[in-house]
């Protein structure tokens, strides 16, 4: 058991490798600015695609300095349950289904009253 234990060393906390000869990946520092003038600096890989908008730590939207203003894409309108229903059924079909269901409910209520 004592053969396998390492004394005087915290396992996982420290590496025995040195950093000599290690070259970090090329990076670039990008500046963003919020509407109120707050500057946000973000470091990216030199090969990374730089996003035109970044959210700062304070939660404000910052825009890339010397970059193009992002185009506001008008998103597709959210479809409601009613919209999806109208894609499958016509109004007369829906009225018929409603009438059928109401008749079933009326019959059940009539049976319960007499029972």
N, C-alpha and C. Protein backbone atom coordinates (compact mmCIF):
# COMPACT_ATOMS: atom_id res chain seq x y z
N UNK A 1 0.83 -1.20 0.00
CA UNK A 1 0.00 0.00 0.00
C UNK A 1 0.86 1.25 0.00
N UNK A 2 1.93 1.23 0.78
CA UNK A 2 2.79 2.41 0.83
C UNK A 2 3.54 2.61 -0.48
N UNK A 3 3.67 1.57 -1.29
CA UNK A 3 4.35 1.70 -2.58
C UNK A 3 3.56 2.58 -3.55
N UNK A 4 2.22 2.58 -3.41
CA UNK A 4 1.39 3.31 -4.36
C UNK A 4 1.04 4.72 -3.90
N UNK A 5 1.29 5.07 -2.71
CA UNK A 5 0.90 6.39 -2.22
C UNK A 5 1.98 7.42 -2.55
N UNK A 6 1.53 8.61 -2.91
CA UNK A 6 2.46 9.71 -3.18
C UNK A 6 2.40 10.66 -2.00
N UNK A 7 3.50 10.82 -1.35
CA UNK A 7 3.52 11.68 -0.18
C UNK A 7 4.01 13.06 -0.53
N UNK A 8 3.44 14.04 0.14
CA UNK A 8 3.88 15.41 -0.05
C UNK A 8 3.41 16.02 -1.37
N UNK A 9 2.38 15.47 -1.97
CA UNK A 9 1.90 15.98 -3.25
C UNK A 9 0.37 15.98 -3.24
N UNK A 10 -0.22 17.08 -3.69
CA UNK A 10 -1.67 17.14 -3.81
C UNK A 10 -2.04 16.67 -5.20
N UNK A 11 -2.67 15.55 -5.29
CA UNK A 11 -3.02 15.01 -6.60
C UNK A 11 -4.09 15.87 -7.26
N UNK A 12 -3.90 16.15 -8.53
CA UNK A 12 -4.88 16.90 -9.29
C UNK A 12 -4.76 18.40 -9.15
N UNK A 13 -4.11 18.87 -8.12
CA UNK A 13 -4.03 20.31 -7.90
C UNK A 13 -2.83 20.92 -8.61
N UNK A 14 -1.77 20.15 -8.78
CA UNK A 14 -0.57 20.68 -9.39
C UNK A 14 -0.06 19.72 -10.46
N UNK A 15 0.54 20.28 -11.49
CA UNK A 15 1.09 19.46 -12.56
C UNK A 15 2.60 19.44 -12.42
N UNK A 16 3.18 18.33 -12.80
CA UNK A 16 4.64 18.22 -12.76
C UNK A 16 5.27 18.75 -14.05
N UNK A 17 4.43 19.11 -15.04
CA UNK A 17 4.96 19.63 -16.29
C UNK A 17 5.28 21.12 -16.15
N UNK A 18 6.32 21.54 -16.83
CA UNK A 18 6.66 22.96 -16.82
C UNK A 18 6.05 23.63 -18.04
N UNK A 19 5.97 24.94 -18.01
CA UNK A 19 5.40 25.69 -19.12
C UNK A 19 6.46 26.16 -20.09
N UNK A 20 7.66 25.72 -19.92
CA UNK A 20 8.73 26.15 -20.83
C UNK A 20 8.52 25.49 -22.19
N UNK A 21 8.65 26.30 -23.24
CA UNK A 21 8.47 25.79 -24.59
C UNK A 21 7.02 25.73 -25.04
N UNK A 22 6.09 26.08 -24.17
CA UNK A 22 4.67 26.06 -24.53
C UNK A 22 4.30 27.42 -25.07
N UNK A 23 3.73 27.44 -26.25
CA UNK A 23 3.33 28.70 -26.87
C UNK A 23 1.80 28.78 -26.87
N UNK A 24 1.21 29.81 -26.27
CA UNK A 24 -0.26 29.91 -26.26
C UNK A 24 -0.80 30.17 -27.66
N UNK A 25 -2.03 29.79 -27.86
CA UNK A 25 -2.68 30.00 -29.15
C UNK A 25 -2.80 31.49 -29.43
N UNK A 26 -2.72 31.89 -30.70
CA UNK A 26 -2.85 33.32 -31.02
C UNK A 26 -4.24 33.84 -30.67
N UNK A 27 -4.27 35.02 -30.08
CA UNK A 27 -5.53 35.60 -29.62
C UNK A 27 -5.68 37.02 -30.13
N UNK A 28 -6.90 37.52 -30.03
CA UNK A 28 -7.17 38.91 -30.37
C UNK A 28 -8.13 39.47 -29.33
N UNK A 29 -7.89 40.72 -28.97
CA UNK A 29 -8.73 41.41 -27.99
C UNK A 29 -9.68 42.32 -28.75
N UNK A 30 -10.97 42.15 -28.50
CA UNK A 30 -12.00 42.87 -29.25
C UNK A 30 -12.73 43.80 -28.29
N UNK A 31 -13.05 45.00 -28.78
CA UNK A 31 -13.74 45.98 -27.95
C UNK A 31 -15.19 46.13 -28.40
N UNK A 32 -16.07 46.12 -27.41
CA UNK A 32 -17.50 46.39 -27.63
C UNK A 32 -17.88 47.60 -26.79
N UNK A 33 -18.93 48.31 -27.21
CA UNK A 33 -19.42 49.46 -26.43
C UNK A 33 -20.93 49.40 -26.30
N UNK A 34 -21.40 49.71 -25.10
CA UNK A 34 -22.84 49.80 -24.84
C UNK A 34 -23.32 51.20 -25.26
N UNK A 35 -24.61 51.38 -25.32
CA UNK A 35 -25.17 52.68 -25.70
C UNK A 35 -24.80 53.77 -24.71
N UNK A 36 -24.63 53.39 -23.44
CA UNK A 36 -24.28 54.39 -22.43
C UNK A 36 -22.77 54.65 -22.35
N UNK A 37 -21.98 54.04 -23.26
CA UNK A 37 -20.55 54.29 -23.31
C UNK A 37 -19.69 53.27 -22.57
N UNK A 38 -20.30 52.32 -21.91
CA UNK A 38 -19.53 51.29 -21.19
C UNK A 38 -18.72 50.47 -22.19
N UNK A 39 -17.43 50.29 -21.89
CA UNK A 39 -16.56 49.51 -22.76
C UNK A 39 -16.48 48.08 -22.25
N UNK A 40 -16.52 47.14 -23.19
CA UNK A 40 -16.42 45.72 -22.86
C UNK A 40 -15.32 45.14 -23.74
N UNK A 41 -14.32 44.52 -23.10
CA UNK A 41 -13.23 43.89 -23.84
C UNK A 41 -13.35 42.39 -23.70
N UNK A 42 -13.29 41.69 -24.84
CA UNK A 42 -13.41 40.24 -24.86
C UNK A 42 -12.24 39.68 -25.66
N UNK A 43 -11.64 38.60 -25.17
CA UNK A 43 -10.53 37.97 -25.85
C UNK A 43 -11.04 36.74 -26.60
N UNK A 44 -10.74 36.69 -27.89
CA UNK A 44 -11.13 35.57 -28.74
C UNK A 44 -9.90 34.94 -29.35
N UNK A 45 -10.06 33.75 -29.85
CA UNK A 45 -9.01 33.12 -30.64
C UNK A 45 -8.84 33.94 -31.92
N UNK A 46 -7.63 33.92 -32.49
CA UNK A 46 -7.38 34.67 -33.71
C UNK A 46 -8.21 34.13 -34.87
N UNK A 47 -8.61 32.87 -34.79
CA UNK A 47 -9.38 32.24 -35.85
C UNK A 47 -10.89 32.34 -35.64
N UNK A 48 -11.32 32.85 -34.50
CA UNK A 48 -12.75 32.87 -34.15
C UNK A 48 -13.51 33.88 -34.98
N UNK A 49 -14.77 33.56 -35.23
CA UNK A 49 -15.67 34.50 -35.89
C UNK A 49 -16.19 35.45 -34.81
N UNK A 50 -16.00 36.74 -35.01
CA UNK A 50 -16.34 37.73 -33.99
C UNK A 50 -17.82 38.09 -34.10
N UNK A 51 -18.59 37.90 -33.01
CA UNK A 51 -20.00 38.26 -33.06
C UNK A 51 -20.18 39.78 -33.05
N UNK A 52 -21.18 40.30 -33.75
CA UNK A 52 -21.37 41.75 -33.81
C UNK A 52 -21.93 42.33 -32.51
N UNK A 53 -22.55 41.50 -31.68
CA UNK A 53 -23.16 41.97 -30.43
C UNK A 53 -22.69 41.06 -29.29
N UNK A 54 -22.44 41.67 -28.13
CA UNK A 54 -22.01 40.93 -26.95
C UNK A 54 -22.80 41.46 -25.76
N UNK A 55 -23.17 40.59 -24.85
CA UNK A 55 -23.89 41.02 -23.64
C UNK A 55 -22.86 41.21 -22.53
N UNK A 56 -22.84 42.41 -21.96
CA UNK A 56 -21.85 42.72 -20.93
C UNK A 56 -22.22 42.02 -19.62
N UNK A 57 -21.31 42.08 -18.66
CA UNK A 57 -21.56 41.47 -17.35
C UNK A 57 -22.73 42.12 -16.63
N UNK A 58 -23.02 43.37 -16.98
CA UNK A 58 -24.14 44.07 -16.36
C UNK A 58 -25.46 43.77 -17.06
N UNK A 59 -25.39 42.96 -18.14
CA UNK A 59 -26.61 42.56 -18.84
C UNK A 59 -27.01 43.48 -19.97
N UNK A 60 -26.18 44.49 -20.25
CA UNK A 60 -26.48 45.42 -21.35
C UNK A 60 -25.91 44.88 -22.65
N UNK A 61 -26.57 45.25 -23.75
CA UNK A 61 -26.12 44.82 -25.06
C UNK A 61 -25.03 45.77 -25.56
N UNK A 62 -23.88 45.21 -25.92
CA UNK A 62 -22.76 46.00 -26.41
C UNK A 62 -22.52 45.67 -27.88
N UNK A 63 -22.17 46.68 -28.66
CA UNK A 63 -21.97 46.53 -30.10
C UNK A 63 -20.49 46.63 -30.42
N UNK A 64 -20.04 45.84 -31.37
CA UNK A 64 -18.65 45.79 -31.77
C UNK A 64 -18.19 47.16 -32.26
N UNK A 65 -17.05 47.64 -31.71
CA UNK A 65 -16.49 48.92 -32.13
C UNK A 65 -15.86 48.72 -33.51
N UNK A 66 -16.07 49.67 -34.40
CA UNK A 66 -15.57 49.61 -35.78
C UNK A 66 -16.17 48.44 -36.55
N UNK A 67 -17.28 47.95 -36.11
CA UNK A 67 -17.95 46.87 -36.81
C UNK A 67 -19.27 47.35 -37.37
N UNK A 68 -19.89 46.53 -38.18
CA UNK A 68 -21.18 46.88 -38.74
C UNK A 68 -22.27 46.68 -37.70
N UNK A 69 -23.23 47.58 -37.73
CA UNK A 69 -24.38 47.44 -36.84
C UNK A 69 -25.19 46.23 -37.30
N UNK A 70 -25.52 45.33 -36.38
CA UNK A 70 -26.24 44.13 -36.79
C UNK A 70 -27.61 44.46 -37.36
N UNK A 71 -27.99 43.73 -38.40
CA UNK A 71 -29.29 43.92 -39.02
C UNK A 71 -30.33 43.24 -38.14
N UNK A 72 -31.39 43.97 -37.83
CA UNK A 72 -32.45 43.42 -36.98
C UNK A 72 -33.34 42.53 -37.84
N UNK A 73 -33.16 41.23 -37.68
CA UNK A 73 -33.98 40.29 -38.45
C UNK A 73 -35.37 40.24 -37.84
N UNK A 74 -36.34 40.52 -38.69
CA UNK A 74 -37.71 40.42 -38.18
C UNK A 74 -38.03 38.94 -38.09
N UNK A 75 -38.18 38.50 -36.87
CA UNK A 75 -38.40 37.08 -36.64
C UNK A 75 -39.80 36.67 -37.06
N UNK A 76 -39.93 35.42 -37.35
CA UNK A 76 -41.21 34.87 -37.74
C UNK A 76 -42.18 35.01 -36.57
N UNK A 77 -43.39 35.44 -36.88
CA UNK A 77 -44.38 35.64 -35.83
C UNK A 77 -44.69 34.31 -35.15
N UNK A 78 -44.91 34.37 -33.87
CA UNK A 78 -45.22 33.17 -33.10
C UNK A 78 -46.62 32.70 -33.45
N UNK A 79 -46.73 31.43 -33.77
CA UNK A 79 -48.04 30.89 -34.11
C UNK A 79 -48.75 30.48 -32.83
N UNK A 80 -49.99 30.88 -32.73
CA UNK A 80 -50.79 30.51 -31.57
C UNK A 80 -51.48 29.18 -31.82
N UNK A 81 -52.09 28.64 -30.79
CA UNK A 81 -52.84 27.40 -30.92
C UNK A 81 -53.96 27.57 -31.95
N UNK A 82 -54.60 28.73 -31.92
CA UNK A 82 -55.70 29.00 -32.85
C UNK A 82 -55.19 29.02 -34.29
N UNK A 83 -54.02 29.61 -34.54
CA UNK A 83 -53.44 29.63 -35.88
C UNK A 83 -53.18 28.22 -36.40
N UNK A 84 -52.62 27.39 -35.53
CA UNK A 84 -52.33 26.01 -35.94
C UNK A 84 -53.61 25.22 -36.16
N UNK A 85 -54.63 25.49 -35.37
CA UNK A 85 -55.91 24.82 -35.53
C UNK A 85 -56.54 25.19 -36.87
N UNK A 86 -56.46 26.47 -37.23
CA UNK A 86 -57.03 26.92 -38.50
C UNK A 86 -56.27 26.37 -39.71
N UNK A 87 -55.04 25.92 -39.51
CA UNK A 87 -54.31 25.28 -40.60
C UNK A 87 -54.86 23.89 -40.89
N UNK A 88 -55.48 23.26 -39.88
CA UNK A 88 -55.98 21.90 -40.04
C UNK A 88 -57.47 21.84 -40.29
N UNK A 89 -58.23 22.80 -39.79
CA UNK A 89 -59.69 22.76 -39.89
C UNK A 89 -60.24 24.09 -40.40
N UNK A 90 -61.41 24.02 -41.00
CA UNK A 90 -62.11 25.24 -41.41
C UNK A 90 -63.06 25.65 -40.30
N UNK A 91 -63.56 26.88 -40.37
CA UNK A 91 -64.49 27.36 -39.34
C UNK A 91 -65.76 26.50 -39.30
N UNK A 92 -66.38 26.15 -40.45
CA UNK A 92 -67.57 25.28 -40.38
C UNK A 92 -67.27 23.92 -39.75
N UNK A 93 -66.08 23.34 -40.03
CA UNK A 93 -65.73 22.07 -39.39
C UNK A 93 -65.61 22.23 -37.88
N UNK A 94 -64.99 23.32 -37.45
CA UNK A 94 -64.85 23.56 -36.02
C UNK A 94 -66.19 23.76 -35.34
N UNK A 95 -67.10 24.46 -36.02
CA UNK A 95 -68.44 24.66 -35.46
C UNK A 95 -69.18 23.34 -35.32
N UNK A 96 -69.01 22.44 -36.30
CA UNK A 96 -69.65 21.13 -36.24
C UNK A 96 -69.08 20.29 -35.11
N UNK A 97 -67.75 20.30 -34.96
CA UNK A 97 -67.10 19.56 -33.87
C UNK A 97 -67.57 20.10 -32.52
N UNK A 98 -67.67 21.40 -32.39
CA UNK A 98 -68.13 22.01 -31.14
C UNK A 98 -69.56 21.57 -30.83
N UNK A 99 -70.41 21.61 -31.83
CA UNK A 99 -71.81 21.21 -31.62
C UNK A 99 -71.90 19.74 -31.21
N UNK A 100 -71.12 18.88 -31.85
CA UNK A 100 -71.11 17.46 -31.49
C UNK A 100 -70.66 17.26 -30.04
N UNK A 101 -69.62 17.94 -29.64
CA UNK A 101 -69.10 17.79 -28.27
C UNK A 101 -70.10 18.34 -27.25
N UNK A 102 -70.75 19.46 -27.59
CA UNK A 102 -71.76 20.01 -26.68
C UNK A 102 -72.93 19.06 -26.53
N UNK A 103 -73.35 18.41 -27.61
CA UNK A 103 -74.44 17.44 -27.52
C UNK A 103 -74.07 16.26 -26.63
N UNK A 104 -72.82 15.80 -26.75
CA UNK A 104 -72.36 14.70 -25.89
C UNK A 104 -72.40 15.12 -24.43
N UNK A 105 -71.93 16.34 -24.13
CA UNK A 105 -71.94 16.83 -22.75
C UNK A 105 -73.36 17.00 -22.23
N UNK A 106 -74.26 17.49 -23.07
CA UNK A 106 -75.66 17.67 -22.65
C UNK A 106 -76.31 16.32 -22.34
N UNK A 107 -76.00 15.30 -23.15
CA UNK A 107 -76.53 13.96 -22.90
C UNK A 107 -76.03 13.42 -21.57
N UNK A 108 -74.75 13.60 -21.28
CA UNK A 108 -74.18 13.13 -20.01
C UNK A 108 -74.85 13.83 -18.83
N UNK A 109 -75.02 15.12 -18.94
CA UNK A 109 -75.65 15.87 -17.85
C UNK A 109 -77.08 15.44 -17.65
N UNK A 110 -77.77 15.16 -18.75
CA UNK A 110 -79.15 14.69 -18.65
C UNK A 110 -79.23 13.35 -17.97
N UNK A 111 -78.27 12.46 -18.24
CA UNK A 111 -78.25 11.14 -17.62
C UNK A 111 -77.95 11.25 -16.13
N UNK A 112 -77.07 12.16 -15.76
CA UNK A 112 -76.71 12.30 -14.35
C UNK A 112 -77.87 12.86 -13.54
N UNK A 113 -78.64 13.76 -14.11
CA UNK A 113 -79.77 14.35 -13.39
C UNK A 113 -80.84 13.32 -13.08
N UNK A 114 -81.06 12.41 -14.04
CA UNK A 114 -82.12 11.43 -13.83
C UNK A 114 -81.66 10.28 -12.95
N UNK A 115 -80.37 10.07 -12.80
CA UNK A 115 -79.86 8.94 -12.04
C UNK A 115 -79.93 9.16 -10.57
